[in-house]
Amino acid sequence: MDDMRALRGVLQRMLTARGFDVTVVADGAAAVRAFAASLEAGQPFDVAILDLTVPGGDGGQATVARLLELAPDLRAIA
């Protein structure tokens, strides 16, 4: 999760090139929705990478708190 489109693209390309399935979103609300959908599909994320500050939206700290409510064992990088 990052509000900067260019950074999301770079990270997505880097991780995909290394064999990871990647979901990118711009803010905390979208991150929570994407994570909940992955849980429902039975394919939870292995790790969440979050930007700490997102102008006008939930940043990494608030978002990781919400994600941990859904999956207490989630690994996250902020």
C-alpha atoms as a PDB file:
ATOM      1  CA  MET A   1       0.000   0.000   0.000  1.00  0.00           C
ATOM      2  CA  ASP A   2       1.354   3.353  -1.034  1.00  0.00           C
ATOM      3  CA  ASP A   3      -0.262   6.567  -2.179  1.00  0.00           C
ATOM      4  CA  MET A   4       2.466   7.119  -4.790  1.00  0.00           C
ATOM      5  CA  ARG A   5       1.499   5.366  -8.014  1.00  0.00           C
ATOM      6  CA  ALA A   6       5.086   5.205  -9.312  1.00  0.00           C
ATOM      7  CA  LEU A   7       6.351   3.536  -6.136  1.00  0.00           C
ATOM      8  CA  ARG A   8       3.532   0.992  -6.239  1.00  0.00           C
ATOM      9  CA  GLY A   9       4.501   0.160  -9.820  1.00  0.00           C
ATOM     10  CA  VAL A  10       8.186  -0.259  -9.034  1.00  0.00           C
ATOM     11  CA  LEU A  11       7.499  -2.500  -6.053  1.00  0.00           C
ATOM     12  CA  GLN A  12       4.990  -4.542  -8.005  1.00  0.00           C
ATOM     13  CA  ARG A  13       7.433  -5.134 -10.862  1.00  0.00           C
ATOM     14  CA  MET A  14      10.306  -5.998  -8.502  1.00  0.00           C
ATOM     15  CA  LEU A  15       8.306  -8.486  -6.443  1.00  0.00           C
ATOM     16  CA  THR A  16       6.552 -10.029  -9.445  1.00  0.00           C
ATOM     17  CA  ALA A  17       9.922 -10.561 -11.148  1.00  0.00           C
ATOM     18  CA  ARG A  18      10.957 -12.568  -8.102  1.00  0.00           C
ATOM     19  CA  GLY A  19       7.916 -14.820  -8.344  1.00  0.00           C
ATOM     20  CA  PHE A  20       5.542 -13.209  -5.872  1.00  0.00           C
ATOM     21  CA  ASP A  21       1.845 -12.607  -6.512  1.00  0.00           C
ATOM     22  CA  VAL A  22       1.334  -8.928  -5.749  1.00  0.00           C
ATOM     23  CA  THR A  23      -1.699  -6.799  -4.994  1.00  0.00           C
ATOM     24  CA  VAL A  24      -1.158  -3.044  -4.904  1.00  0.00           C
ATOM     25  CA  VAL A  25      -3.504  -0.424  -3.459  1.00  0.00           C
ATOM     26  CA  ALA A  26      -3.332   3.298  -2.761  1.00  0.00           C
ATOM     27  CA  ASP A  27      -4.722   3.586   0.764  1.00  0.00           C
ATOM     28  CA  GLY A  28      -5.609   1.789   3.971  1.00  0.00           C
ATOM     29  CA  ALA A  29      -9.278   1.232   3.200  1.00  0.00           C
ATOM     30  CA  ALA A  30      -8.400  -0.454  -0.090  1.00  0.00           C
ATOM     31  CA  ALA A  31      -5.732  -2.518   1.673  1.00  0.00           C
ATOM     32  CA  VAL A  32      -8.245  -3.814   4.204  1.00  0.00           C
ATOM     33  CA  ARG A  33     -10.740  -4.665   1.440  1.00  0.00           C
ATOM     34  CA  ALA A  34      -8.084  -6.485  -0.610  1.00  0.00           C
ATOM     35  CA  PHE A  35      -6.817  -8.370   2.428  1.00  0.00           C
ATOM     36  CA  ALA A  36     -10.330  -9.408   3.497  1.00  0.00           C
ATOM     37  CA  ALA A  37     -11.022 -10.641  -0.038  1.00  0.00           C
ATOM     38  CA  SER A  38      -7.812 -12.683  -0.003  1.00  0.00           C
ATOM     39  CA  LEU A  39      -8.866 -14.297   3.264  1.00  0.00           C
ATOM     40  CA  GLU A  40     -12.327 -15.105   1.885  1.00  0.00           C
ATOM     41  CA  ALA A  41     -10.741 -16.671  -1.195  1.00  0.00           C
ATOM     42  CA  GLY A  42      -8.565 -18.869   1.017  1.00  0.00           C
ATOM     43  CA  GLN A  43      -5.382 -17.223  -0.283  1.00  0.00           C
ATOM     44  CA  PRO A  44      -4.259 -14.864   2.485  1.00  0.00           C
ATOM     45  CA  PHE A  45      -1.349 -12.525   1.923  1.00  0.00           C
ATOM     46  CA  ASP A  46       2.012 -13.740   3.195  1.00  0.00           C
ATOM     47  CA  VAL A  47       3.054 -10.200   4.096  1.00  0.00           C
ATOM     48  CA  ALA A  48       1.699  -6.658   3.880  1.00  0.00           C
ATOM     49  CA  ILE A  49       4.001  -3.784   2.907  1.00  0.00           C
ATOM     50  CA  LEU A  50       2.516  -0.460   4.010  1.00  0.00           C
ATOM     51  CA  ASP A  51       3.354   3.214   3.639  1.00  0.00           C
ATOM     52  CA  LEU A  52       3.274   4.907   7.059  1.00  0.00           C
ATOM     53  CA  THR A  53       1.720   8.152   5.819  1.00  0.00           C
ATOM     54  CA  VAL A  54      -1.072   8.478   3.270  1.00  0.00           C
ATOM     55  CA  PRO A  55      -2.431  12.020   2.890  1.00  0.00           C
ATOM     56  CA  GLY A  56      -6.205  11.981   3.210  1.00  0.00           C
ATOM     57  CA  GLY A  57      -6.366   8.280   4.096  1.00  0.00           C
ATOM     58  CA  ASP A  58      -5.365   5.668   6.634  1.00  0.00           C
ATOM     59  CA  GLY A  59      -1.604   5.188   6.820  1.00  0.00           C
ATOM     60  CA  GLY A  60       0.315   2.072   7.717  1.00  0.00           C
ATOM     61  CA  GLN A  61      -0.081   2.188  11.478  1.00  0.00           C
ATOM     62  CA  ALA A  62      -3.883   2.455  11.419  1.00  0.00           C
ATOM     63  CA  THR A  63      -4.136  -0.031   8.570  1.00  0.00           C
ATOM     64  CA  VAL A  64      -1.975  -2.700  10.167  1.00  0.00           C
ATOM     65  CA  ALA A  65      -4.108  -2.483  13.315  1.00  0.00           C
ATOM     66  CA  ARG A  66      -7.202  -3.229  11.219  1.00  0.00           C
ATOM     67  CA  LEU A  67      -5.450  -6.030   9.328  1.00  0.00           C
ATOM     68  CA  LEU A  68      -4.318  -7.660  12.570  1.00  0.00           C
ATOM     69  CA  GLU A  69      -7.939  -7.777  13.710  1.00  0.00           C
ATOM     70  CA  LEU A  70      -8.611  -9.973  10.675  1.00  0.00           C
ATOM     71  CA  ALA A  71      -5.437 -12.076  10.937  1.00  0.00           C
ATOM     72  CA  PRO A  72      -3.450 -11.746  14.176  1.00  0.00           C
ATOM     73  CA  ASP A  73      -0.494 -13.669  12.721  1.00  0.00           C
ATOM     74  CA  LEU A  74      -0.040 -11.368   9.707  1.00  0.00           C
ATOM     75  CA  ARG A  75       3.506 -10.203   8.997  1.00  0.00           C
ATOM     76  CA  ALA A  76       3.685  -6.542   8.041  1.00  0.00           C
ATOM     77  CA  ILE A  77       6.368  -4.081   6.975  1.00  0.00           C
ATOM     78  CA  ALA A  78       5.705  -0.368   7.337  1.00  0.00           C
END
